[in-house]
């Protein structure tokens, strides 16, 4: 991969990480505002805030491991066991973020019984996107394992 592409991707990852840190820091304030606006679910503000921060942290882990993958690519060492471990870590991180997001939305829709079309759409979107990314990562891991002769 060309060094300029690696640099651009690292800048993008840095900005995404920075933005996610800002979002994590703002999450309690956002939750407090939502609790004031929707008092019927105000008791869920604290646990949902913790779950949201944890889901963002899982995505941050995936981004940091992608940074490591870029290092492996730059050093022409992607086809190694380290590359497989990186793919496993990214897959696990995305799966955790998906489970936290969809679990929270499922709880809101089914257990609590509130939420409108936006929450349904978010649930379907999180489920489809998260499981789709995990599936693609599993396929990539299989291809990577075949490339290095390890299954």
N, C-alpha and C. Protein backbone atom coordinates (compact mmCIF):
# COMPACT_ATOMS: atom_id res chain seq x y z
N UNK A 1 0.86 -1.16 0.00
CA UNK A 1 0.00 0.00 0.00
C UNK A 1 0.90 1.23 0.00
N UNK A 2 0.51 2.20 -0.77
CA UNK A 2 1.32 3.42 -0.90
C UNK A 2 1.36 4.15 0.45
N UNK A 3 2.52 4.70 0.81
CA UNK A 3 2.66 5.40 2.10
C UNK A 3 1.68 6.56 2.27
N UNK A 4 1.32 7.23 1.18
CA UNK A 4 0.36 8.34 1.28
C UNK A 4 -1.01 7.81 1.70
N UNK A 5 -1.40 6.66 1.17
CA UNK A 5 -2.69 6.07 1.53
C UNK A 5 -2.69 5.70 3.01
N UNK A 6 -1.59 5.12 3.48
CA UNK A 6 -1.48 4.77 4.90
C UNK A 6 -1.59 6.03 5.76
N UNK A 7 -0.93 7.09 5.35
CA UNK A 7 -0.98 8.35 6.09
C UNK A 7 -2.40 8.91 6.14
N UNK A 8 -3.06 8.93 4.99
CA UNK A 8 -4.44 9.44 4.94
C UNK A 8 -5.36 8.62 5.84
N UNK A 9 -5.20 7.30 5.80
CA UNK A 9 -6.03 6.44 6.65
C UNK A 9 -5.75 6.67 8.13
N UNK A 10 -4.49 6.90 8.46
CA UNK A 10 -4.15 7.16 9.86
C UNK A 10 -4.72 8.50 10.32
N UNK A 11 -4.68 9.50 9.46
CA UNK A 11 -5.28 10.80 9.81
C UNK A 11 -6.78 10.62 10.03
N UNK A 12 -7.42 9.86 9.15
CA UNK A 12 -8.85 9.60 9.30
C UNK A 12 -9.14 8.86 10.61
N UNK A 13 -8.35 7.84 10.91
CA UNK A 13 -8.54 7.11 12.17
C UNK A 13 -8.35 8.02 13.37
N UNK A 14 -7.33 8.87 13.32
CA UNK A 14 -7.08 9.81 14.42
C UNK A 14 -8.29 10.72 14.63
N UNK A 15 -8.82 11.26 13.54
CA UNK A 15 -9.98 12.15 13.65
C UNK A 15 -11.21 11.41 14.17
N UNK A 16 -11.41 10.18 13.71
CA UNK A 16 -12.53 9.38 14.20
C UNK A 16 -12.37 9.06 15.69
N UNK A 17 -11.15 8.72 16.10
CA UNK A 17 -10.91 8.46 17.52
C UNK A 17 -11.15 9.71 18.36
N UNK A 18 -10.68 10.84 17.87
CA UNK A 18 -10.88 12.10 18.58
C UNK A 18 -12.37 12.41 18.70
N UNK A 19 -13.09 12.26 17.60
CA UNK A 19 -14.54 12.50 17.62
C UNK A 19 -15.27 11.55 18.56
N UNK A 20 -14.84 10.30 18.59
CA UNK A 20 -15.49 9.34 19.48
C UNK A 20 -15.21 9.66 20.95
N UNK A 21 -14.02 10.17 21.24
CA UNK A 21 -13.72 10.59 22.62
C UNK A 21 -14.59 11.76 23.04
N UNK A 22 -14.79 12.70 22.12
CA UNK A 22 -15.67 13.84 22.40
C UNK A 22 -17.10 13.35 22.63
N UNK A 23 -17.54 12.41 21.81
CA UNK A 23 -18.89 11.86 21.97
C UNK A 23 -19.04 11.15 23.31
N UNK A 24 -18.03 10.38 23.70
CA UNK A 24 -18.08 9.72 25.01
C UNK A 24 -18.18 10.74 26.14
N UNK A 25 -17.41 11.80 26.03
CA UNK A 25 -17.43 12.83 27.07
C UNK A 25 -18.78 13.55 27.12
N UNK A 26 -19.42 13.71 25.96
CA UNK A 26 -20.70 14.42 25.90
C UNK A 26 -21.89 13.52 26.22
N UNK A 27 -21.69 12.23 26.23
CA UNK A 27 -22.80 11.29 26.40
C UNK A 27 -23.61 11.52 27.69
N UNK A 28 -22.99 11.76 28.84
CA UNK A 28 -23.81 12.03 30.04
C UNK A 28 -24.70 13.27 29.91
N UNK A 29 -24.18 14.31 29.27
CA UNK A 29 -24.97 15.52 29.06
C UNK A 29 -26.13 15.25 28.12
N UNK A 30 -25.86 14.53 27.05
CA UNK A 30 -26.91 14.17 26.09
C UNK A 30 -27.99 13.34 26.78
N UNK A 31 -27.57 12.38 27.60
CA UNK A 31 -28.53 11.53 28.31
C UNK A 31 -29.36 12.34 29.29
N UNK A 32 -28.74 13.28 29.97
CA UNK A 32 -29.49 14.12 30.93
C UNK A 32 -30.54 14.96 30.20
N UNK A 33 -30.17 15.50 29.04
CA UNK A 33 -31.13 16.28 28.26
C UNK A 33 -32.30 15.40 27.79
N UNK A 34 -32.00 14.19 27.35
CA UNK A 34 -33.05 13.27 26.92
C UNK A 34 -33.95 12.88 28.09
N UNK A 35 -33.35 12.71 29.27
CA UNK A 35 -34.14 12.36 30.46
C UNK A 35 -35.11 13.48 30.82
N UNK A 36 -34.68 14.72 30.64
CA UNK A 36 -35.59 15.86 30.91
C UNK A 36 -36.70 15.92 29.86
N UNK A 37 -36.35 15.62 28.62
CA UNK A 37 -37.34 15.69 27.55
C UNK A 37 -38.33 14.52 27.59
N UNK A 38 -37.86 13.36 28.03
CA UNK A 38 -38.71 12.16 28.08
C UNK A 38 -38.69 11.58 29.50
N UNK A 39 -39.42 12.19 30.43
CA UNK A 39 -39.35 11.76 31.83
C UNK A 39 -39.81 10.32 32.06
N UNK A 40 -40.62 9.78 31.16
CA UNK A 40 -41.10 8.41 31.34
C UNK A 40 -39.98 7.37 31.25
N UNK A 41 -38.86 7.74 30.65
CA UNK A 41 -37.71 6.82 30.57
C UNK A 41 -36.46 7.42 31.23
N UNK A 42 -36.66 8.40 32.09
CA UNK A 42 -35.52 9.05 32.74
C UNK A 42 -34.71 8.07 33.58
N UNK A 43 -35.36 7.05 34.13
CA UNK A 43 -34.64 6.06 34.94
C UNK A 43 -33.65 5.23 34.12
N UNK A 44 -33.76 5.28 32.81
CA UNK A 44 -32.85 4.53 31.94
C UNK A 44 -31.63 5.34 31.50
N UNK A 45 -31.59 6.61 31.86
CA UNK A 45 -30.51 7.47 31.38
C UNK A 45 -29.14 6.96 31.82
N UNK A 46 -28.98 6.63 33.07
CA UNK A 46 -27.66 6.19 33.57
C UNK A 46 -27.22 4.86 32.96
N UNK A 47 -28.06 3.81 33.00
CA UNK A 47 -27.59 2.55 32.42
C UNK A 47 -27.37 2.63 30.91
N UNK A 48 -28.22 3.35 30.21
CA UNK A 48 -28.03 3.49 28.77
C UNK A 48 -26.78 4.30 28.45
N UNK A 49 -26.47 5.27 29.29
CA UNK A 49 -25.24 6.05 29.09
C UNK A 49 -24.02 5.15 29.22
N UNK A 50 -24.02 4.30 30.24
CA UNK A 50 -22.90 3.36 30.43
C UNK A 50 -22.78 2.43 29.22
N UNK A 51 -23.90 1.92 28.75
CA UNK A 51 -23.88 1.02 27.59
C UNK A 51 -23.40 1.75 26.33
N UNK A 52 -23.82 2.98 26.15
CA UNK A 52 -23.38 3.75 24.98
C UNK A 52 -21.89 4.01 25.03
N UNK A 53 -21.39 4.39 26.19
CA UNK A 53 -19.95 4.64 26.33
C UNK A 53 -19.17 3.35 26.08
N UNK A 54 -19.68 2.22 26.57
CA UNK A 54 -19.01 0.94 26.35
C UNK A 54 -19.02 0.55 24.87
N UNK A 55 -20.13 0.80 24.18
CA UNK A 55 -20.20 0.49 22.75
C UNK A 55 -19.22 1.34 21.96
N UNK A 56 -19.12 2.61 22.31
CA UNK A 56 -18.16 3.50 21.64
C UNK A 56 -16.74 3.02 21.94
N UNK A 57 -16.49 2.58 23.16
CA UNK A 57 -15.16 2.06 23.51
C UNK A 57 -14.81 0.84 22.68
N UNK A 58 -15.79 -0.02 22.42
CA UNK A 58 -15.54 -1.20 21.58
C UNK A 58 -15.16 -0.78 20.17
N UNK A 59 -15.82 0.23 19.65
CA UNK A 59 -15.47 0.74 18.32
C UNK A 59 -14.08 1.36 18.34
N UNK A 60 -13.74 2.04 19.43
CA UNK A 60 -12.41 2.63 19.55
C UNK A 60 -11.33 1.56 19.54
N UNK A 61 -11.58 0.45 20.21
CA UNK A 61 -10.63 -0.66 20.19
C UNK A 61 -10.43 -1.15 18.76
N UNK A 62 -11.53 -1.30 18.03
CA UNK A 62 -11.43 -1.73 16.63
C UNK A 62 -10.60 -0.74 15.81
N UNK A 63 -10.81 0.55 16.03
CA UNK A 63 -10.04 1.55 15.28
C UNK A 63 -8.56 1.49 15.62
N UNK A 64 -8.24 1.27 16.88
CA UNK A 64 -6.83 1.16 17.27
C UNK A 64 -6.18 -0.08 16.65
N UNK A 65 -6.93 -1.16 16.56
CA UNK A 65 -6.38 -2.37 15.94
C UNK A 65 -6.23 -2.17 14.43
N UNK A 66 -7.13 -1.41 13.81
CA UNK A 66 -6.95 -1.08 12.39
C UNK A 66 -5.67 -0.28 12.21
N UNK A 67 -5.37 0.61 13.14
CA UNK A 67 -4.10 1.35 13.11
C UNK A 67 -2.93 0.36 13.09
N UNK A 68 -3.03 -0.66 13.94
CA UNK A 68 -1.98 -1.70 13.99
C UNK A 68 -1.90 -2.44 12.66
N UNK A 69 -3.05 -2.73 12.07
CA UNK A 69 -3.06 -3.39 10.76
C UNK A 69 -2.37 -2.54 9.70
N UNK A 70 -2.58 -1.24 9.76
CA UNK A 70 -1.90 -0.35 8.82
C UNK A 70 -0.39 -0.42 8.99
N UNK A 71 0.06 -0.56 10.23
CA UNK A 71 1.49 -0.73 10.48
C UNK A 71 1.99 -2.03 9.87
N UNK A 72 1.23 -3.10 10.04
CA UNK A 72 1.61 -4.38 9.45
C UNK A 72 1.65 -4.29 7.93
N UNK A 73 0.70 -3.60 7.35
CA UNK A 73 0.67 -3.43 5.89
C UNK A 73 1.88 -2.64 5.44
N UNK A 74 2.19 -1.55 6.14
CA UNK A 74 3.34 -0.72 5.77
C UNK A 74 4.64 -1.49 5.86
N UNK A 75 4.71 -2.44 6.79
CA UNK A 75 5.92 -3.25 6.97
C UNK A 75 5.87 -4.55 6.16
N UNK A 76 4.85 -4.70 5.32
CA UNK A 76 4.64 -5.91 4.50
C UNK A 76 4.61 -7.17 5.36
N UNK A 77 3.94 -7.08 6.51
CA UNK A 77 3.84 -8.22 7.42
C UNK A 77 2.39 -8.57 7.74
N UNK A 78 1.50 -8.25 6.82
CA UNK A 78 0.08 -8.50 7.08
C UNK A 78 -0.22 -10.00 7.16
N UNK A 79 0.40 -10.78 6.30
CA UNK A 79 0.13 -12.21 6.24
C UNK A 79 0.91 -12.97 7.30
N UNK A 80 0.61 -12.66 8.55
CA UNK A 80 1.26 -13.31 9.69
C UNK A 80 0.19 -13.64 10.72
N UNK A 81 0.60 -14.36 11.76
CA UNK A 81 -0.33 -14.66 12.85
C UNK A 81 -0.80 -13.37 13.53
N UNK A 82 0.07 -12.38 13.57
CA UNK A 82 -0.32 -11.09 14.16
C UNK A 82 -1.48 -10.48 13.38
N UNK A 83 -1.44 -10.60 12.06
CA UNK A 83 -2.54 -10.11 11.23
C UNK A 83 -3.84 -10.83 11.55
N UNK A 84 -3.75 -12.15 11.78
CA UNK A 84 -4.94 -12.92 12.16
C UNK A 84 -5.48 -12.47 13.52
N UNK A 85 -4.59 -12.26 14.46
CA UNK A 85 -5.01 -11.80 15.78
C UNK A 85 -5.68 -10.43 15.69
N UNK A 86 -5.14 -9.59 14.83
CA UNK A 86 -5.76 -8.27 14.65
C UNK A 86 -7.17 -8.40 14.10
N UNK A 87 -7.35 -9.26 13.10
CA UNK A 87 -8.69 -9.46 12.55
C UNK A 87 -9.63 -10.04 13.60
N UNK A 88 -9.12 -10.95 14.42
CA UNK A 88 -9.95 -11.50 15.50
C UNK A 88 -10.36 -10.42 16.49
N UNK A 89 -9.43 -9.54 16.82
CA UNK A 89 -9.73 -8.46 17.77
C UNK A 89 -10.75 -7.48 17.19
N UNK A 90 -10.60 -7.14 15.93
CA UNK A 90 -11.56 -6.23 15.29
C UNK A 90 -12.94 -6.88 15.25
N UNK A 91 -12.99 -8.16 14.87
CA UNK A 91 -14.26 -8.87 14.81
C UNK A 91 -14.94 -8.89 16.18
N UNK A 92 -14.18 -9.20 17.21
CA UNK A 92 -14.75 -9.24 18.56
C UNK A 92 -15.24 -7.85 18.98
N UNK A 93 -14.48 -6.82 18.68
CA UNK A 93 -14.87 -5.46 19.05
C UNK A 93 -16.15 -5.03 18.35
N UNK A 94 -16.24 -5.32 17.07
CA UNK A 94 -17.46 -4.97 16.32
C UNK A 94 -18.65 -5.78 16.84
N UNK A 95 -18.42 -7.05 17.16
CA UNK A 95 -19.51 -7.88 17.70
C UNK A 95 -19.99 -7.34 19.04
N UNK A 96 -19.07 -6.91 19.89
CA UNK A 96 -19.46 -6.35 21.19
C UNK A 96 -20.24 -5.05 21.00
N UNK A 97 -19.75 -4.18 20.13
CA UNK A 97 -20.46 -2.91 19.88
C UNK A 97 -21.85 -3.18 19.32
N UNK A 98 -21.96 -4.15 18.43
CA UNK A 98 -23.26 -4.50 17.85
C UNK A 98 -24.19 -5.06 18.92
N UNK A 99 -23.68 -5.96 19.75
CA UNK A 99 -24.51 -6.56 20.80
C UNK A 99 -24.99 -5.50 21.80
N UNK A 100 -24.11 -4.60 22.19
CA UNK A 100 -24.50 -3.54 23.13
C UNK A 100 -25.56 -2.63 22.52
N UNK A 101 -25.35 -2.24 21.27
CA UNK A 101 -26.29 -1.32 20.61
C UNK A 101 -27.65 -1.98 20.38
N UNK A 102 -27.63 -3.15 19.78
CA UNK A 102 -28.90 -3.81 19.48
C UNK A 102 -29.60 -4.28 20.76
N UNK A 103 -28.83 -4.70 21.74
CA UNK A 103 -29.43 -5.10 23.01
C UNK A 103 -30.13 -3.95 23.70
N UNK A 104 -29.50 -2.79 23.68
CA UNK A 104 -30.10 -1.61 24.29
C UNK A 104 -31.37 -1.21 23.55
N UNK A 105 -31.30 -1.20 22.23
CA UNK A 105 -32.48 -0.83 21.44
C UNK A 105 -33.60 -1.85 21.60
N UNK A 106 -33.24 -3.13 21.65
CA UNK A 106 -34.24 -4.18 21.87
C UNK A 106 -34.92 -3.98 23.23
N UNK A 107 -34.13 -3.70 24.25
CA UNK A 107 -34.68 -3.45 25.58
C UNK A 107 -35.67 -2.29 25.55
N UNK A 108 -35.27 -1.21 24.88
CA UNK A 108 -36.13 -0.04 24.81
C UNK A 108 -37.44 -0.36 24.09
N UNK A 109 -37.35 -1.08 22.98
CA UNK A 109 -38.54 -1.37 22.18
C UNK A 109 -39.43 -2.44 22.80
N UNK A 110 -38.84 -3.55 23.22
CA UNK A 110 -39.63 -4.71 23.62
C UNK A 110 -39.90 -4.76 25.12
N UNK A 111 -38.88 -4.55 25.92
CA UNK A 111 -39.05 -4.67 27.37
C UNK A 111 -39.74 -3.42 27.94
N UNK A 112 -39.20 -2.25 27.61
CA UNK A 112 -39.78 -1.00 28.12
C UNK A 112 -41.04 -0.65 27.34
N UNK A 113 -41.05 -0.96 26.06
CA UNK A 113 -42.23 -0.72 25.24
C UNK A 113 -42.39 0.70 24.75
N UNK A 114 -41.28 1.41 24.58
CA UNK A 114 -41.35 2.77 24.04
C UNK A 114 -40.41 2.87 22.84
N UNK A 115 -40.56 3.97 22.14
CA UNK A 115 -39.74 4.20 20.95
C UNK A 115 -40.62 4.15 19.72
N UNK A 116 -40.30 4.98 18.80
CA UNK A 116 -41.09 5.04 17.59
C UNK A 116 -40.34 4.46 16.41
N UNK A 117 -40.71 4.92 15.22
CA UNK A 117 -40.08 4.41 14.01
C UNK A 117 -38.56 4.63 13.98
N UNK A 118 -38.10 5.71 14.57
CA UNK A 118 -36.66 5.97 14.59
C UNK A 118 -35.89 4.92 15.37
N UNK A 119 -36.46 4.48 16.47
CA UNK A 119 -35.80 3.45 17.29
C UNK A 119 -35.83 2.11 16.55
N UNK A 120 -36.95 1.81 15.90
CA UNK A 120 -37.03 0.57 15.10
C UNK A 120 -36.00 0.61 13.98
N UNK A 121 -35.91 1.73 13.30
CA UNK A 121 -34.94 1.87 12.22
C UNK A 121 -33.51 1.75 12.75
N UNK A 122 -33.23 2.35 13.89
CA UNK A 122 -31.90 2.24 14.49
C UNK A 122 -31.60 0.79 14.86
N UNK A 123 -32.59 0.08 15.40
CA UNK A 123 -32.40 -1.33 15.75
C UNK A 123 -32.08 -2.16 14.52
N UNK A 124 -32.89 -2.00 13.48
CA UNK A 124 -32.66 -2.76 12.25
C UNK A 124 -31.31 -2.38 11.63
N UNK A 125 -31.00 -1.09 11.61
CA UNK A 125 -29.73 -0.64 11.04
C UNK A 125 -28.53 -1.16 11.80
N UNK A 126 -28.57 -1.08 13.13
CA UNK A 126 -27.46 -1.59 13.95
C UNK A 126 -27.29 -3.09 13.77
N UNK A 127 -28.41 -3.80 13.76
CA UNK A 127 -28.35 -5.25 13.61
C UNK A 127 -27.78 -5.63 12.24
N UNK A 128 -28.30 -5.02 11.19
CA UNK A 128 -27.85 -5.36 9.84
C UNK A 128 -26.40 -4.94 9.60
N UNK A 129 -26.07 -3.71 9.95
CA UNK A 129 -24.71 -3.22 9.70
C UNK A 129 -23.70 -3.97 10.55
N UNK A 130 -23.99 -4.13 11.83
CA UNK A 130 -23.05 -4.81 12.71
C UNK A 130 -22.82 -6.26 12.33
N UNK A 131 -23.90 -6.99 12.09
CA UNK A 131 -23.74 -8.40 11.72
C UNK A 131 -23.12 -8.53 10.33
N UNK A 132 -23.40 -7.59 9.45
CA UNK A 132 -22.78 -7.61 8.12
C UNK A 132 -21.28 -7.39 8.19
N UNK A 133 -20.85 -6.44 9.01
CA UNK A 133 -19.41 -6.19 9.17
C UNK A 133 -18.73 -7.40 9.80
N UNK A 134 -19.36 -8.00 10.80
CA UNK A 134 -18.78 -9.20 11.42
C UNK A 134 -18.66 -10.33 10.40
N UNK A 135 -19.67 -10.50 9.56
CA UNK A 135 -19.61 -11.55 8.53
C UNK A 135 -18.47 -11.31 7.55
N UNK A 136 -18.32 -10.07 7.11
CA UNK A 136 -17.22 -9.74 6.19
C UNK A 136 -15.87 -9.99 6.86
N UNK A 137 -15.76 -9.63 8.12
CA UNK A 137 -14.50 -9.86 8.84
C UNK A 137 -14.20 -11.34 8.99
N UNK A 138 -15.23 -12.16 9.21
CA UNK A 138 -15.01 -13.61 9.27
C UNK A 138 -14.49 -14.15 7.94
N UNK A 139 -15.07 -13.66 6.84
CA UNK A 139 -14.61 -14.08 5.52
C UNK A 139 -13.16 -13.65 5.30
N UNK A 140 -12.85 -12.41 5.66
CA UNK A 140 -11.47 -11.93 5.53
C UNK A 140 -10.51 -12.74 6.38
N UNK A 141 -10.95 -13.13 7.56
CA UNK A 141 -10.10 -13.93 8.43
C UNK A 141 -9.83 -15.30 7.81
N UNK A 142 -10.87 -15.88 7.22
CA UNK A 142 -10.69 -17.16 6.54
C UNK A 142 -9.73 -17.05 5.37
N UNK A 143 -9.87 -15.98 4.60
CA UNK A 143 -8.95 -15.77 3.47
C UNK A 143 -7.53 -15.54 3.97
N UNK A 144 -7.40 -14.78 5.05
CA UNK A 144 -6.08 -14.51 5.63
C UNK A 144 -5.45 -15.81 6.16
N UNK A 145 -6.25 -16.62 6.83
CA UNK A 145 -5.74 -17.89 7.35
C UNK A 145 -5.29 -18.81 6.22
N UNK A 146 -6.05 -18.82 5.13
CA UNK A 146 -5.66 -19.62 3.97
C UNK A 146 -4.36 -19.09 3.37
N UNK A 147 -4.22 -17.78 3.32
CA UNK A 147 -3.02 -17.17 2.73
C UNK A 147 -1.76 -17.51 3.50
N UNK A 148 -1.88 -17.64 4.81
CA UNK A 148 -0.67 -17.96 5.59
C UNK A 148 -0.60 -19.44 5.93
N UNK A 149 -1.58 -20.21 5.45
CA UNK A 149 -1.54 -21.65 5.65
C UNK A 149 -1.90 -22.09 7.05
N UNK A 150 -2.76 -21.34 7.73
CA UNK A 150 -3.16 -21.69 9.10
C UNK A 150 -4.67 -21.67 9.19
N UNK A 151 -5.23 -22.74 9.62
CA UNK A 151 -6.68 -22.80 9.77
C UNK A 151 -7.08 -23.19 11.12
